[in-house]
Every structure is written in structure tokens, then in C-alpha cells.
Amino acid sequence: MTQAFVQSKIKAGKVAVFIKPSCPYCQSAMSILKKYAFKEGHLEFIDITTQNDMNAIQNYFQQTTGARTVPRVYIGEVCIGGYSDLAALEDQGKLSQELQKIGALQ
């Protein structure tokens, strides 16, 4: 069930960010991504605190990405990591390229 939930959110042309709203790193990741003009439905913030088994979701992230922390940022079907990875992509000027590559931007 956990795997099906996570996989249902990850799509080729979309950015999916699994978050906890009170987490400062999640808030910073959302701020970075909100600077970009996404096509309708191509950016989703998924609040894992509203799920029945948040711990199972984080354990699934550990198994599939090597870390259980949030945010977990997926650009297309690839997990790029967390906030520091997202910020590094932006600092290097590569984030917009990655978003354009998957067709998520207007």
C-alpha cells in the first residue's frame, strides 16, 4: 500500500515533493520550486503527515533512495534527493534545465 501510494505520485513529466509542512527544509524546497512557472498539474507537494502510516512511507524512501528524510524531491521519475540537492541544482543553474527536460514548465 505504501509503495503504491508513493509510486502513484511519481510521474515522468511532473515534480513530486514529499513533505512535512512544519519542516523548515520542506518549506525552503517549496519556496525554490514556487519560483518556476509550472504547467498546471506538473508540481505537487504531498503532505505525508496526512497519511495513515507516515513512518512506513519514510521507511520506503530509505529502501528506495537511501534516505528517509523529507523533503524527498522527484523530478520526473528520478529522486534527486532532498533540499540540499535541490538547492545545489538551482545554485548551479541546472534546475530549470532539468524541469524543462521533463516538460514541466510553461
N, C-alpha and C. Protein backbone atom coordinates (compact mmCIF):
# COMPACT_ATOMS: atom_id res chain seq x y z
N MET A 1 0.83 -1.20 0.00
CA MET A 1 0.00 0.00 0.00
C MET A 1 0.87 1.25 0.00
N THR A 2 1.90 1.27 0.83
CA THR A 2 2.81 2.42 0.89
C THR A 2 3.49 2.62 -0.45
N GLN A 3 4.02 1.55 -1.02
CA GLN A 3 4.70 1.64 -2.31
C GLN A 3 3.74 2.15 -3.37
N ALA A 4 2.53 1.64 -3.40
CA ALA A 4 1.53 2.06 -4.39
C ALA A 4 1.21 3.55 -4.23
N PHE A 5 1.10 4.02 -3.00
CA PHE A 5 0.82 5.44 -2.76
C PHE A 5 1.95 6.31 -3.31
N VAL A 6 3.19 6.00 -2.95
CA VAL A 6 4.33 6.80 -3.39
C VAL A 6 4.44 6.75 -4.91
N GLN A 7 4.36 5.55 -5.48
CA GLN A 7 4.51 5.40 -6.93
C GLN A 7 3.39 6.10 -7.70
N SER A 8 2.21 6.21 -7.10
CA SER A 8 1.09 6.88 -7.78
C SER A 8 1.34 8.38 -7.94
N LYS A 9 2.23 8.92 -7.15
CA LYS A 9 2.52 10.36 -7.19
C LYS A 9 3.67 10.70 -8.14
N ILE A 10 4.49 9.70 -8.47
CA ILE A 10 5.69 9.93 -9.28
C ILE A 10 5.35 9.67 -10.75
N LYS A 11 5.50 10.73 -11.57
CA LYS A 11 5.18 10.61 -12.99
C LYS A 11 6.27 11.27 -13.82
N ALA A 12 6.41 10.82 -15.06
CA ALA A 12 7.50 11.25 -15.93
C ALA A 12 7.60 12.77 -16.12
N GLY A 13 6.51 13.46 -16.35
CA GLY A 13 6.58 14.89 -16.65
C GLY A 13 6.26 15.80 -15.49
N LYS A 14 6.43 15.30 -14.28
CA LYS A 14 5.96 16.02 -13.10
C LYS A 14 7.05 16.08 -12.03
N VAL A 15 6.94 17.09 -11.17
CA VAL A 15 7.79 17.17 -9.98
C VAL A 15 6.91 16.84 -8.78
N ALA A 16 7.33 15.84 -8.02
CA ALA A 16 6.61 15.44 -6.81
C ALA A 16 7.54 15.64 -5.62
N VAL A 17 7.04 16.35 -4.61
CA VAL A 17 7.85 16.63 -3.43
C VAL A 17 7.08 16.15 -2.21
N PHE A 18 7.64 15.16 -1.53
CA PHE A 18 7.02 14.62 -0.32
C PHE A 18 7.52 15.45 0.85
N ILE A 19 6.57 16.01 1.62
CA ILE A 19 6.91 16.99 2.65
C ILE A 19 6.20 16.73 3.98
N LYS A 20 6.71 17.41 5.00
CA LYS A 20 6.00 17.64 6.26
C LYS A 20 5.90 19.16 6.35
N PRO A 21 4.69 19.72 6.41
CA PRO A 21 4.52 21.17 6.34
C PRO A 21 5.30 21.97 7.39
N SER A 22 5.55 21.40 8.55
CA SER A 22 6.25 22.14 9.61
C SER A 22 7.77 22.10 9.46
N CYS A 23 8.27 21.30 8.52
CA CYS A 23 9.71 21.14 8.33
C CYS A 23 10.31 22.34 7.60
N PRO A 24 11.31 23.00 8.19
CA PRO A 24 11.91 24.17 7.53
C PRO A 24 12.59 23.83 6.20
N TYR A 25 13.16 22.64 6.08
CA TYR A 25 13.77 22.25 4.81
C TYR A 25 12.71 22.05 3.73
N CYS A 26 11.57 21.51 4.12
CA CYS A 26 10.47 21.34 3.18
C CYS A 26 9.95 22.70 2.73
N GLN A 27 9.83 23.63 3.66
CA GLN A 27 9.37 24.98 3.32
C GLN A 27 10.35 25.65 2.36
N SER A 28 11.64 25.47 2.58
CA SER A 28 12.65 26.05 1.69
C SER A 28 12.60 25.42 0.30
N ALA A 29 12.40 24.12 0.24
CA ALA A 29 12.29 23.43 -1.05
C ALA A 29 11.07 23.94 -1.81
N MET A 30 9.95 24.13 -1.10
CA MET A 30 8.75 24.64 -1.75
C MET A 30 8.99 26.05 -2.28
N SER A 31 9.70 26.87 -1.52
CA SER A 31 9.99 28.24 -1.96
C SER A 31 10.81 28.24 -3.25
N ILE A 32 11.81 27.37 -3.34
CA ILE A 32 12.62 27.29 -4.56
C ILE A 32 11.73 26.94 -5.75
N LEU A 33 10.92 25.91 -5.60
CA LEU A 33 10.13 25.43 -6.73
C LEU A 33 9.01 26.39 -7.13
N LYS A 34 8.50 27.16 -6.17
CA LYS A 34 7.42 28.10 -6.48
C LYS A 34 7.90 29.28 -7.33
N LYS A 35 9.21 29.43 -7.50
CA LYS A 35 9.75 30.49 -8.35
C LYS A 35 9.55 30.19 -9.83
N TYR A 36 9.29 28.93 -10.16
CA TYR A 36 9.20 28.50 -11.55
C TYR A 36 7.75 28.45 -12.02
N ALA A 37 7.56 28.70 -13.31
CA ALA A 37 6.22 28.68 -13.91
C ALA A 37 5.92 27.27 -14.42
N PHE A 38 5.34 26.47 -13.56
CA PHE A 38 4.99 25.09 -13.92
C PHE A 38 3.69 25.06 -14.70
N LYS A 39 3.59 24.10 -15.60
CA LYS A 39 2.32 23.82 -16.25
C LYS A 39 1.36 23.32 -15.17
N GLU A 40 0.09 23.53 -15.41
CA GLU A 40 -0.95 23.07 -14.48
C GLU A 40 -0.78 21.58 -14.20
N GLY A 41 -0.72 21.20 -12.92
CA GLY A 41 -0.65 19.79 -12.53
C GLY A 41 0.73 19.15 -12.63
N HIS A 42 1.76 19.94 -12.90
CA HIS A 42 3.10 19.36 -13.05
C HIS A 42 4.00 19.57 -11.83
N LEU A 43 3.43 20.13 -10.77
CA LEU A 43 4.14 20.26 -9.49
C LEU A 43 3.18 19.88 -8.40
N GLU A 44 3.59 18.93 -7.55
CA GLU A 44 2.73 18.51 -6.45
C GLU A 44 3.55 18.38 -5.18
N PHE A 45 3.02 18.99 -4.12
CA PHE A 45 3.59 18.84 -2.79
C PHE A 45 2.69 17.85 -2.05
N ILE A 46 3.26 16.75 -1.60
CA ILE A 46 2.49 15.70 -0.95
C ILE A 46 2.82 15.69 0.54
N ASP A 47 1.83 16.03 1.34
CA ASP A 47 1.98 16.10 2.80
C ASP A 47 1.87 14.68 3.37
N ILE A 48 3.01 14.11 3.78
CA ILE A 48 2.97 12.73 4.29
C ILE A 48 2.40 12.65 5.70
N THR A 49 2.25 13.78 6.40
CA THR A 49 1.69 13.75 7.75
C THR A 49 0.20 13.42 7.73
N THR A 50 -0.44 13.53 6.56
CA THR A 50 -1.87 13.23 6.46
C THR A 50 -2.11 11.75 6.14
N GLN A 51 -1.05 11.00 5.93
CA GLN A 51 -1.18 9.58 5.59
C GLN A 51 -1.25 8.73 6.86
N ASN A 52 -1.90 7.58 6.73
CA ASN A 52 -2.07 6.69 7.88
C ASN A 52 -0.75 6.22 8.46
N ASP A 53 0.20 5.90 7.61
CA ASP A 53 1.46 5.37 8.11
C ASP A 53 2.66 6.14 7.56
N MET A 54 2.86 7.33 8.10
CA MET A 54 3.95 8.20 7.69
C MET A 54 5.30 7.49 7.86
N ASN A 55 5.44 6.73 8.92
CA ASN A 55 6.69 6.01 9.19
C ASN A 55 6.99 5.00 8.07
N ALA A 56 5.97 4.30 7.60
CA ALA A 56 6.15 3.33 6.52
C ALA A 56 6.58 4.03 5.24
N ILE A 57 6.06 5.22 4.99
CA ILE A 57 6.44 5.99 3.81
C ILE A 57 7.92 6.35 3.91
N GLN A 58 8.34 6.82 5.08
CA GLN A 58 9.74 7.18 5.25
C GLN A 58 10.64 5.96 5.19
N ASN A 59 10.19 4.83 5.67
CA ASN A 59 10.97 3.59 5.54
C ASN A 59 11.09 3.19 4.07
N TYR A 60 10.03 3.39 3.30
CA TYR A 60 10.07 3.09 1.88
C TYR A 60 11.09 4.00 1.17
N PHE A 61 11.12 5.28 1.55
CA PHE A 61 12.12 6.19 0.99
C PHE A 61 13.53 5.69 1.31
N GLN A 62 13.74 5.20 2.53
CA GLN A 62 15.05 4.68 2.93
C GLN A 62 15.46 3.53 2.01
N GLN A 63 14.52 2.64 1.75
CA GLN A 63 14.81 1.48 0.89
C GLN A 63 15.09 1.89 -0.55
N THR A 64 14.36 2.87 -1.06
CA THR A 64 14.44 3.19 -2.49
C THR A 64 15.40 4.33 -2.82
N THR A 65 15.66 5.23 -1.85
CA THR A 65 16.50 6.39 -2.15
C THR A 65 17.73 6.50 -1.26
N GLY A 66 17.78 5.68 -0.21
CA GLY A 66 18.92 5.72 0.70
C GLY A 66 18.79 6.72 1.83
N ALA A 67 17.66 7.43 1.89
CA ALA A 67 17.42 8.38 2.99
C ALA A 67 15.93 8.40 3.30
N ARG A 68 15.62 8.57 4.57
CA ARG A 68 14.20 8.60 4.95
C ARG A 68 13.71 10.01 5.27
N THR A 69 14.60 10.98 5.12
CA THR A 69 14.25 12.37 5.46
C THR A 69 13.38 13.00 4.38
N VAL A 70 12.67 14.05 4.78
CA VAL A 70 11.91 14.87 3.84
C VAL A 70 12.53 16.26 3.85
N PRO A 71 12.40 16.98 2.75
CA PRO A 71 11.65 16.59 1.56
C PRO A 71 12.38 15.54 0.74
N ARG A 72 11.62 14.73 0.05
CA ARG A 72 12.12 13.82 -0.99
C ARG A 72 11.61 14.43 -2.30
N VAL A 73 12.52 14.82 -3.15
CA VAL A 73 12.18 15.53 -4.38
C VAL A 73 12.38 14.61 -5.59
N TYR A 74 11.31 14.42 -6.34
CA TYR A 74 11.36 13.63 -7.57
C TYR A 74 11.15 14.56 -8.76
N ILE A 75 12.13 14.59 -9.64
CA ILE A 75 11.98 15.31 -10.90
C ILE A 75 11.75 14.23 -11.95
N GLY A 76 10.53 14.21 -12.46
CA GLY A 76 10.14 13.08 -13.29
C GLY A 76 10.11 11.84 -12.41
N GLU A 77 10.70 10.77 -12.87
CA GLU A 77 10.67 9.52 -12.09
C GLU A 77 11.95 9.29 -11.31
N VAL A 78 12.79 10.33 -11.21
CA VAL A 78 14.08 10.21 -10.54
C VAL A 78 14.08 11.03 -9.25
N CYS A 79 14.45 10.37 -8.15
CA CYS A 79 14.61 11.10 -6.90
C CYS A 79 15.96 11.79 -6.93
N ILE A 80 15.94 13.12 -6.85
CA ILE A 80 17.20 13.87 -6.85
C ILE A 80 17.76 14.03 -5.44
N GLY A 81 16.95 13.69 -4.43
CA GLY A 81 17.39 13.79 -3.04
C GLY A 81 16.49 14.71 -2.25
N GLY A 82 17.12 15.51 -1.39
CA GLY A 82 16.37 16.40 -0.51
C GLY A 82 16.61 17.86 -0.83
N TYR A 83 16.39 18.70 0.19
CA TYR A 83 16.51 20.14 0.00
C TYR A 83 17.90 20.56 -0.48
N SER A 84 18.95 20.05 0.15
CA SER A 84 20.30 20.49 -0.22
C SER A 84 20.62 20.12 -1.67
N ASP A 85 20.10 18.99 -2.14
CA ASP A 85 20.32 18.58 -3.53
C ASP A 85 19.57 19.51 -4.49
N LEU A 86 18.34 19.86 -4.12
CA LEU A 86 17.55 20.78 -4.92
C LEU A 86 18.22 22.15 -4.98
N ALA A 87 18.66 22.65 -3.82
CA ALA A 87 19.32 23.96 -3.76
C ALA A 87 20.61 23.96 -4.57
N ALA A 88 21.35 22.85 -4.53
CA ALA A 88 22.60 22.77 -5.31
C ALA A 88 22.31 22.82 -6.80
N LEU A 89 21.25 22.13 -7.24
CA LEU A 89 20.88 22.18 -8.66
C LEU A 89 20.54 23.61 -9.07
N GLU A 90 19.81 24.31 -8.21
CA GLU A 90 19.45 25.69 -8.53
C GLU A 90 20.69 26.58 -8.55
N ASP A 91 21.56 26.43 -7.56
CA ASP A 91 22.78 27.25 -7.49
C ASP A 91 23.67 27.04 -8.71
N GLN A 92 23.66 25.84 -9.25
CA GLN A 92 24.48 25.53 -10.43
C GLN A 92 23.79 25.93 -11.73
N GLY A 93 22.57 26.44 -11.62
CA GLY A 93 21.82 26.84 -12.81
C GLY A 93 21.26 25.66 -13.58
N LYS A 94 21.20 24.49 -12.96
CA LYS A 94 20.77 23.28 -13.66
C LYS A 94 19.31 22.91 -13.40
N LEU A 95 18.69 23.52 -12.39
CA LEU A 95 17.33 23.13 -12.04
C LEU A 95 16.36 23.44 -13.17
N SER A 96 16.42 24.64 -13.74
CA SER A 96 15.49 24.98 -14.81
C SER A 96 15.68 24.05 -16.01
N GLN A 97 16.93 23.66 -16.28
CA GLN A 97 17.19 22.73 -17.38
C GLN A 97 16.51 21.39 -17.14
N GLU A 98 16.62 20.90 -15.90
CA GLU A 98 16.00 19.62 -15.56
C GLU A 98 14.48 19.70 -15.67
N LEU A 99 13.92 20.82 -15.23
CA LEU A 99 12.46 20.99 -15.28
C LEU A 99 11.99 21.11 -16.73
N GLN A 100 12.76 21.78 -17.57
CA GLN A 100 12.41 21.88 -18.98
C GLN A 100 12.55 20.52 -19.67
N LYS A 101 13.57 19.77 -19.28
CA LYS A 101 13.83 18.46 -19.89
C LYS A 101 12.64 17.52 -19.74
N ILE A 102 11.94 17.59 -18.60
CA ILE A 102 10.78 16.71 -18.39
C ILE A 102 9.49 17.35 -18.88
N GLY A 103 9.57 18.59 -19.37
CA GLY A 103 8.39 19.25 -19.92
C GLY A 103 7.44 19.79 -18.88
N ALA A 104 7.95 20.13 -17.69
CA ALA A 104 7.08 20.57 -16.60
C ALA A 104 6.81 22.08 -16.59
N LEU A 105 7.63 22.85 -17.32
CA LEU A 105 7.50 24.30 -17.29
C LEU A 105 6.64 24.82 -18.43
N GLN A 106 6.03 25.98 -18.19
CA GLN A 106 5.21 26.63 -19.23
C GLN A 106 6.09 27.18 -20.33
